Amino acid sequence: PMSDQWSRVPLMLSKRADFGLVMLNDEIYAIGGQGEKGILASVETYNFVTGHWSEAVSMTTPRKGHATVLLDGKIYVFGGSDGTSFLSSAAVFDSVTLRWSEIANMPTAVWGAAAAAVDGQLYVIGGEDFLNIYRTVQVYHPSTNVWEQISQSMHLERGWAGVAVLTT
């Protein structure tokens, strides 16, 4: 952004598609995804200061097409697919302890959902499972490890959508 132009960075350590991506401190985290030989649990980081990719702590569950979001220095991943089924499982990475932990399962298994953090809550929006495209909004409360579904969900179904949070 400072130079107002695009620049090339080194290639990732592993080829991957359908992965999660978040920025934490001076690093981009590329999380899971579809690799050349299957679904990945691996995580790698790109450090803007050093200009290098490094291996990071792998997730406990391989997944692709998952929703990913950052809240309070923790990375959350929701749903996706393990290549055999759609996942309702979710996990959190603590950047202080450098550990992944499983959290409560989502009410509905989805892949291709979007995720956002608003006022300390995490929203998983839409998604699909090949048979259905959902208009549901699932809300995770990190303080209680509890999910709820919002009864007033979206008017139309959405899969593989983007989401942005605007603050005033």
C-alpha atoms as a PDB file:
ATOM      1  CA  PRO A   1       0.000   0.000   0.000  1.00  0.00           C
ATOM      2  CA  MET A   2       2.865   2.413   0.663  1.00  0.00           C
ATOM      3  CA  SER A   3       4.158   2.238  -2.912  1.00  0.00           C
ATOM      4  CA  ASP A   4       0.682   1.970  -4.487  1.00  0.00           C
ATOM      5  CA  GLN A   5       1.767  -0.913  -6.709  1.00  0.00           C
ATOM      6  CA  TRP A   6       1.689  -4.689  -6.833  1.00  0.00           C
ATOM      7  CA  SER A   7       4.849  -6.632  -6.089  1.00  0.00           C
ATOM      8  CA  ARG A   8       5.730 -10.313  -6.294  1.00  0.00           C
ATOM      9  CA  VAL A   9       6.518 -12.303  -3.153  1.00  0.00           C
ATOM     10  CA  PRO A  10       8.070 -15.787  -2.959  1.00  0.00           C
ATOM     11  CA  LEU A  11       5.861 -18.793  -3.733  1.00  0.00           C
ATOM     12  CA  MET A  12       4.174 -20.596  -0.846  1.00  0.00           C
ATOM     13  CA  LEU A  13       5.868 -23.731   0.490  1.00  0.00           C
ATOM     14  CA  SER A  14       2.942 -25.921  -0.635  1.00  0.00           C
ATOM     15  CA  LYS A  15       0.618 -25.524  -3.580  1.00  0.00           C
ATOM     16  CA  ARG A  16      -2.901 -25.123  -2.214  1.00  0.00           C
ATOM     17  CA  ALA A  17      -6.393 -24.065  -3.260  1.00  0.00           C
ATOM     18  CA  ASP A  18      -9.606 -23.471  -1.267  1.00  0.00           C
ATOM     19  CA  PHE A  19      -7.583 -22.429   1.811  1.00  0.00           C
ATOM     20  CA  GLY A  20      -8.296 -19.948   4.574  1.00  0.00           C
ATOM     21  CA  LEU A  21      -6.347 -16.706   4.831  1.00  0.00           C
ATOM     22  CA  VAL A  22      -5.959 -14.237   7.689  1.00  0.00           C
ATOM     23  CA  MET A  23      -3.479 -11.561   8.680  1.00  0.00           C
ATOM     24  CA  LEU A  24      -2.127 -11.593  12.223  1.00  0.00           C
ATOM     25  CA  ASN A  25       0.565  -9.140  13.302  1.00  0.00           C
ATOM     26  CA  ASP A  26       3.158  -9.028  10.491  1.00  0.00           C
ATOM     27  CA  GLU A  27       2.190 -12.388   8.990  1.00  0.00           C
ATOM     28  CA  ILE A  28      -0.320 -13.833   6.560  1.00  0.00           C
ATOM     29  CA  TYR A  29      -1.549 -17.301   7.555  1.00  0.00           C
ATOM     30  CA  ALA A  30      -2.487 -19.708   4.721  1.00  0.00           C
ATOM     31  CA  ILE A  31      -4.539 -22.428   6.409  1.00  0.00           C
ATOM     32  CA  GLY A  32      -5.417 -25.879   5.084  1.00  0.00           C
ATOM     33  CA  GLY A  33      -6.899 -26.242   1.615  1.00  0.00           C
ATOM     34  CA  GLN A  34      -6.632 -28.657  -1.280  1.00  0.00           C
ATOM     35  CA  GLY A  35      -3.057 -29.744  -1.932  1.00  0.00           C
ATOM     36  CA  GLU A  36      -1.576 -31.746  -4.782  1.00  0.00           C
ATOM     37  CA  LYS A  37      -1.952 -34.989  -2.817  1.00  0.00           C
ATOM     38  CA  GLY A  38      -5.120 -34.335  -0.845  1.00  0.00           C
ATOM     39  CA  ILE A  39      -6.742 -32.132   1.762  1.00  0.00           C
ATOM     40  CA  LEU A  40      -4.261 -30.226   3.954  1.00  0.00           C
ATOM     41  CA  ALA A  41      -4.082 -29.613   7.685  1.00  0.00           C
ATOM     42  CA  SER A  42      -0.846 -27.689   7.230  1.00  0.00           C
ATOM     43  CA  VAL A  43      -0.477 -23.974   7.854  1.00  0.00           C
ATOM     44  CA  GLU A  44       2.188 -21.647   6.537  1.00  0.00           C
ATOM     45  CA  THR A  45       2.915 -18.016   7.220  1.00  0.00           C
ATOM     46  CA  TYR A  46       4.359 -15.225   5.130  1.00  0.00           C
ATOM     47  CA  ASN A  47       6.299 -12.688   7.167  1.00  0.00           C
ATOM     48  CA  PHE A  48       6.317  -9.196   5.683  1.00  0.00           C
ATOM     49  CA  VAL A  49       9.436  -8.211   7.608  1.00  0.00           C
ATOM     50  CA  THR A  50      11.625 -11.145   6.496  1.00  0.00           C
ATOM     51  CA  GLY A  51       9.898 -11.707   3.140  1.00  0.00           C
ATOM     52  CA  HIS A  52       9.801 -15.490   3.694  1.00  0.00           C
ATOM     53  CA  TRP A  53       7.243 -18.261   4.052  1.00  0.00           C
ATOM     54  CA  SER A  54       7.562 -20.609   7.055  1.00  0.00           C
ATOM     55  CA  GLU A  55       5.759 -23.704   8.256  1.00  0.00           C
ATOM     56  CA  ALA A  56       3.450 -23.097  11.198  1.00  0.00           C
ATOM     57  CA  VAL A  57       1.523 -25.390  13.536  1.00  0.00           C
ATOM     58  CA  SER A  58      -0.853 -27.631  11.556  1.00  0.00           C
ATOM     59  CA  MET A  59      -4.564 -27.869  12.306  1.00  0.00           C
ATOM     60  CA  THR A  60      -5.828 -31.047  13.956  1.00  0.00           C
ATOM     61  CA  THR A  61      -8.270 -31.693  11.084  1.00  0.00           C
ATOM     62  CA  PRO A  62      -7.463 -31.394   7.366  1.00  0.00           C
ATOM     63  CA  ARG A  63     -10.026 -29.165   5.663  1.00  0.00           C
ATOM     64  CA  LYS A  64     -10.686 -27.151   2.521  1.00  0.00           C
ATOM     65  CA  GLY A  65     -13.358 -24.591   1.692  1.00  0.00           C
ATOM     66  CA  HIS A  66     -13.591 -23.559   5.341  1.00  0.00           C
ATOM     67  CA  ALA A  67     -14.456 -20.148   6.717  1.00  0.00           C
ATOM     68  CA  THR A  68     -11.645 -18.370   8.545  1.00  0.00           C
ATOM     69  CA  VAL A  69     -11.698 -15.316  10.794  1.00  0.00           C
ATOM     70  CA  LEU A  70      -9.522 -13.545  13.355  1.00  0.00           C
ATOM     71  CA  LEU A  71     -10.707 -12.369  16.786  1.00  0.00           C
ATOM     72  CA  ASP A  72      -8.580 -11.162  19.700  1.00  0.00           C
ATOM     73  CA  GLY A  73      -5.341 -12.634  18.343  1.00  0.00           C
ATOM     74  CA  LYS A  74      -6.929 -16.040  17.737  1.00  0.00           C
ATOM     75  CA  ILE A  75      -7.613 -17.662  14.360  1.00  0.00           C
ATOM     76  CA  TYR A  76     -10.907 -19.528  14.011  1.00  0.00           C
ATOM     77  CA  VAL A  77     -11.750 -22.039  11.262  1.00  0.00           C
ATOM     78  CA  PHE A  78     -15.267 -23.306  10.614  1.00  0.00           C
ATOM     79  CA  GLY A  79     -16.610 -26.182   8.556  1.00  0.00           C
ATOM     80  CA  GLY A  80     -15.292 -26.973   5.110  1.00  0.00           C
ATOM     81  CA  SER A  81     -14.747 -30.438   3.719  1.00  0.00           C
ATOM     82  CA  ASP A  82     -12.292 -33.235   4.480  1.00  0.00           C
ATOM     83  CA  GLY A  83     -12.752 -34.618   0.969  1.00  0.00           C
ATOM     84  CA  THR A  84     -15.295 -37.209   2.116  1.00  0.00           C
ATOM     85  CA  SER A  85     -17.896 -35.178   3.978  1.00  0.00           C
ATOM     86  CA  PHE A  86     -18.855 -31.643   4.903  1.00  0.00           C
ATOM     87  CA  LEU A  87     -17.706 -30.582   8.336  1.00  0.00           C
ATOM     88  CA  SER A  88     -19.568 -29.021  11.227  1.00  0.00           C
ATOM     89  CA  SER A  89     -16.370 -29.047  13.277  1.00  0.00           C
ATOM     90  CA  ALA A  90     -14.538 -25.870  14.196  1.00  0.00           C
ATOM     91  CA  ALA A  91     -11.180 -25.012  15.754  1.00  0.00           C
ATOM     92  CA  VAL A  92      -9.231 -22.097  17.177  1.00  0.00           C
ATOM     93  CA  PHE A  93      -5.512 -21.299  17.009  1.00  0.00           C
ATOM     94  CA  ASP A  94      -4.083 -19.398  19.963  1.00  0.00           C
ATOM     95  CA  SER A  95      -1.194 -17.266  18.714  1.00  0.00           C
ATOM     96  CA  VAL A  96       0.263 -17.014  22.232  1.00  0.00           C
ATOM     97  CA  THR A  97       0.374 -20.734  23.076  1.00  0.00           C
ATOM     98  CA  LEU A  98       0.767 -21.758  19.399  1.00  0.00           C
ATOM     99  CA  ARG A  99      -1.864 -24.486  19.788  1.00  0.00           C
ATOM    100  CA  TRP A 100      -4.976 -25.504  17.871  1.00  0.00           C
ATOM    101  CA  SER A 101      -8.010 -26.563  19.917  1.00  0.00           C
ATOM    102  CA  GLU A 102     -11.328 -27.977  18.815  1.00  0.00           C
ATOM    103  CA  ILE A 103     -14.379 -25.906  19.780  1.00  0.00           C
ATOM    104  CA  ALA A 104     -18.110 -26.704  19.703  1.00  0.00           C
ATOM    105  CA  ASN A 105     -19.458 -27.996  16.390  1.00  0.00           C
ATOM    106  CA  MET A 106     -21.612 -25.710  14.275  1.00  0.00           C
ATOM    107  CA  PRO A 107     -25.344 -26.538  14.108  1.00  0.00           C
ATOM    108  CA  THR A 108     -25.088 -26.995  10.305  1.00  0.00           C
ATOM    109  CA  ALA A 109     -22.140 -28.449   8.388  1.00  0.00           C
ATOM    110  CA  VAL A 110     -21.163 -26.150   5.503  1.00  0.00           C
ATOM    111  CA  TRP A 111     -18.357 -25.396   3.142  1.00  0.00           C
ATOM    112  CA  GLY A 112     -17.926 -22.223   1.149  1.00  0.00           C
ATOM    113  CA  ALA A 113     -19.320 -20.103   3.993  1.00  0.00           C
ATOM    114  CA  ALA A 114     -18.080 -16.628   4.882  1.00  0.00           C
ATOM    115  CA  ALA A 115     -17.080 -15.574   8.402  1.00  0.00           C
ATOM    116  CA  ALA A 116     -16.896 -12.259  10.254  1.00  0.00           C
ATOM    117  CA  ALA A 117     -16.156 -11.046  13.769  1.00  0.00           C
ATOM    118  CA  VAL A 118     -18.516  -8.421  15.188  1.00  0.00           C
ATOM    119  CA  ASP A 119     -18.654  -7.255  18.809  1.00  0.00           C
ATOM    120  CA  GLY A 120     -16.849 -10.333  20.132  1.00  0.00           C
ATOM    121  CA  GLN A 121     -19.116 -12.798  18.307  1.00  0.00           C
ATOM    122  CA  LEU A 122     -18.254 -14.848  15.212  1.00  0.00           C
ATOM    123  CA  TYR A 123     -20.717 -15.106  12.347  1.00  0.00           C
ATOM    124  CA  VAL A 124     -20.640 -17.952   9.809  1.00  0.00           C
ATOM    125  CA  ILE A 125     -22.741 -16.873   6.869  1.00  0.00           C
ATOM    126  CA  GLY A 126     -24.295 -19.052   4.174  1.00  0.00           C
ATOM    127  CA  GLY A 127     -22.349 -21.924   2.639  1.00  0.00           C
ATOM    128  CA  GLU A 128     -23.399 -25.110   0.934  1.00  0.00           C
ATOM    129  CA  ASP A 129     -23.221 -28.907   0.953  1.00  0.00           C
ATOM    130  CA  PHE A 130     -23.697 -29.781  -2.767  1.00  0.00           C
ATOM    131  CA  LEU A 131     -27.412 -30.447  -2.227  1.00  0.00           C
ATOM    132  CA  ASN A 132     -28.240 -27.136  -0.556  1.00  0.00           C
ATOM    133  CA  ILE A 133     -27.052 -23.568  -0.595  1.00  0.00           C
ATOM    134  CA  TYR A 134     -27.856 -21.984   2.758  1.00  0.00           C
ATOM    135  CA  ARG A 135     -29.184 -18.606   3.789  1.00  0.00           C
ATOM    136  CA  THR A 136     -28.551 -19.274   7.468  1.00  0.00           C
ATOM    137  CA  VAL A 137     -26.346 -17.258   9.764  1.00  0.00           C
ATOM    138  CA  GLN A 138     -24.706 -19.250  12.553  1.00  0.00           C
ATOM    139  CA  VAL A 139     -23.272 -17.288  15.484  1.00  0.00           C
ATOM    140  CA  TYR A 140     -20.488 -18.566  17.737  1.00  0.00           C
ATOM    141  CA  HIS A 141     -20.024 -17.100  21.213  1.00  0.00           C
ATOM    142  CA  PRO A 142     -16.335 -17.674  22.140  1.00  0.00           C
ATOM    143  CA  SER A 143     -16.853 -16.804  25.822  1.00  0.00           C
ATOM    144  CA  THR A 144     -19.354 -19.663  26.299  1.00  0.00           C
ATOM    145  CA  ASN A 145     -18.347 -22.029  23.426  1.00  0.00           C
ATOM    146  CA  VAL A 146     -22.002 -22.015  22.286  1.00  0.00           C
ATOM    147  CA  TRP A 147     -23.587 -21.664  18.842  1.00  0.00           C
ATOM    148  CA  GLU A 148     -26.926 -20.211  17.851  1.00  0.00           C
ATOM    149  CA  GLN A 149     -28.700 -19.746  14.531  1.00  0.00           C
ATOM    150  CA  ILE A 150     -30.183 -16.363  13.779  1.00  0.00           C
ATOM    151  CA  SER A 151     -33.866 -16.760  12.989  1.00  0.00           C
ATOM    152  CA  GLN A 152     -33.837 -13.726  10.691  1.00  0.00           C
ATOM    153  CA  SER A 153     -31.237 -15.034   8.263  1.00  0.00           C
ATOM    154  CA  MET A 154     -30.468 -13.762   4.764  1.00  0.00           C
ATOM    155  CA  HIS A 155     -33.246 -13.353   2.203  1.00  0.00           C
ATOM    156  CA  LEU A 156     -31.331 -15.350  -0.417  1.00  0.00           C
ATOM    157  CA  GLU A 157     -29.015 -18.331  -0.270  1.00  0.00           C
ATOM    158  CA  ARG A 158     -25.286 -17.581  -0.486  1.00  0.00           C
ATOM    159  CA  GLY A 159     -22.273 -19.825  -1.024  1.00  0.00           C
ATOM    160  CA  TRP A 160     -18.667 -18.774  -1.607  1.00  0.00           C
ATOM    161  CA  ALA A 161     -19.564 -15.159  -0.844  1.00  0.00           C
ATOM    162  CA  GLY A 162     -17.344 -12.519   0.676  1.00  0.00           C
ATOM    163  CA  VAL A 163     -18.124 -10.522   3.778  1.00  0.00           C
ATOM    164  CA  ALA A 164     -16.888  -7.205   5.138  1.00  0.00           C
ATOM    165  CA  VAL A 165     -17.462  -5.558   8.494  1.00  0.00           C
ATOM    166  CA  LEU A 166     -17.888  -1.804   8.486  1.00  0.00           C
ATOM    167  CA  THR A 167     -17.285   0.093  11.698  1.00  0.00           C
ATOM    168  CA  THR A 168     -18.128   3.669  12.516  1.00  0.00           C
END
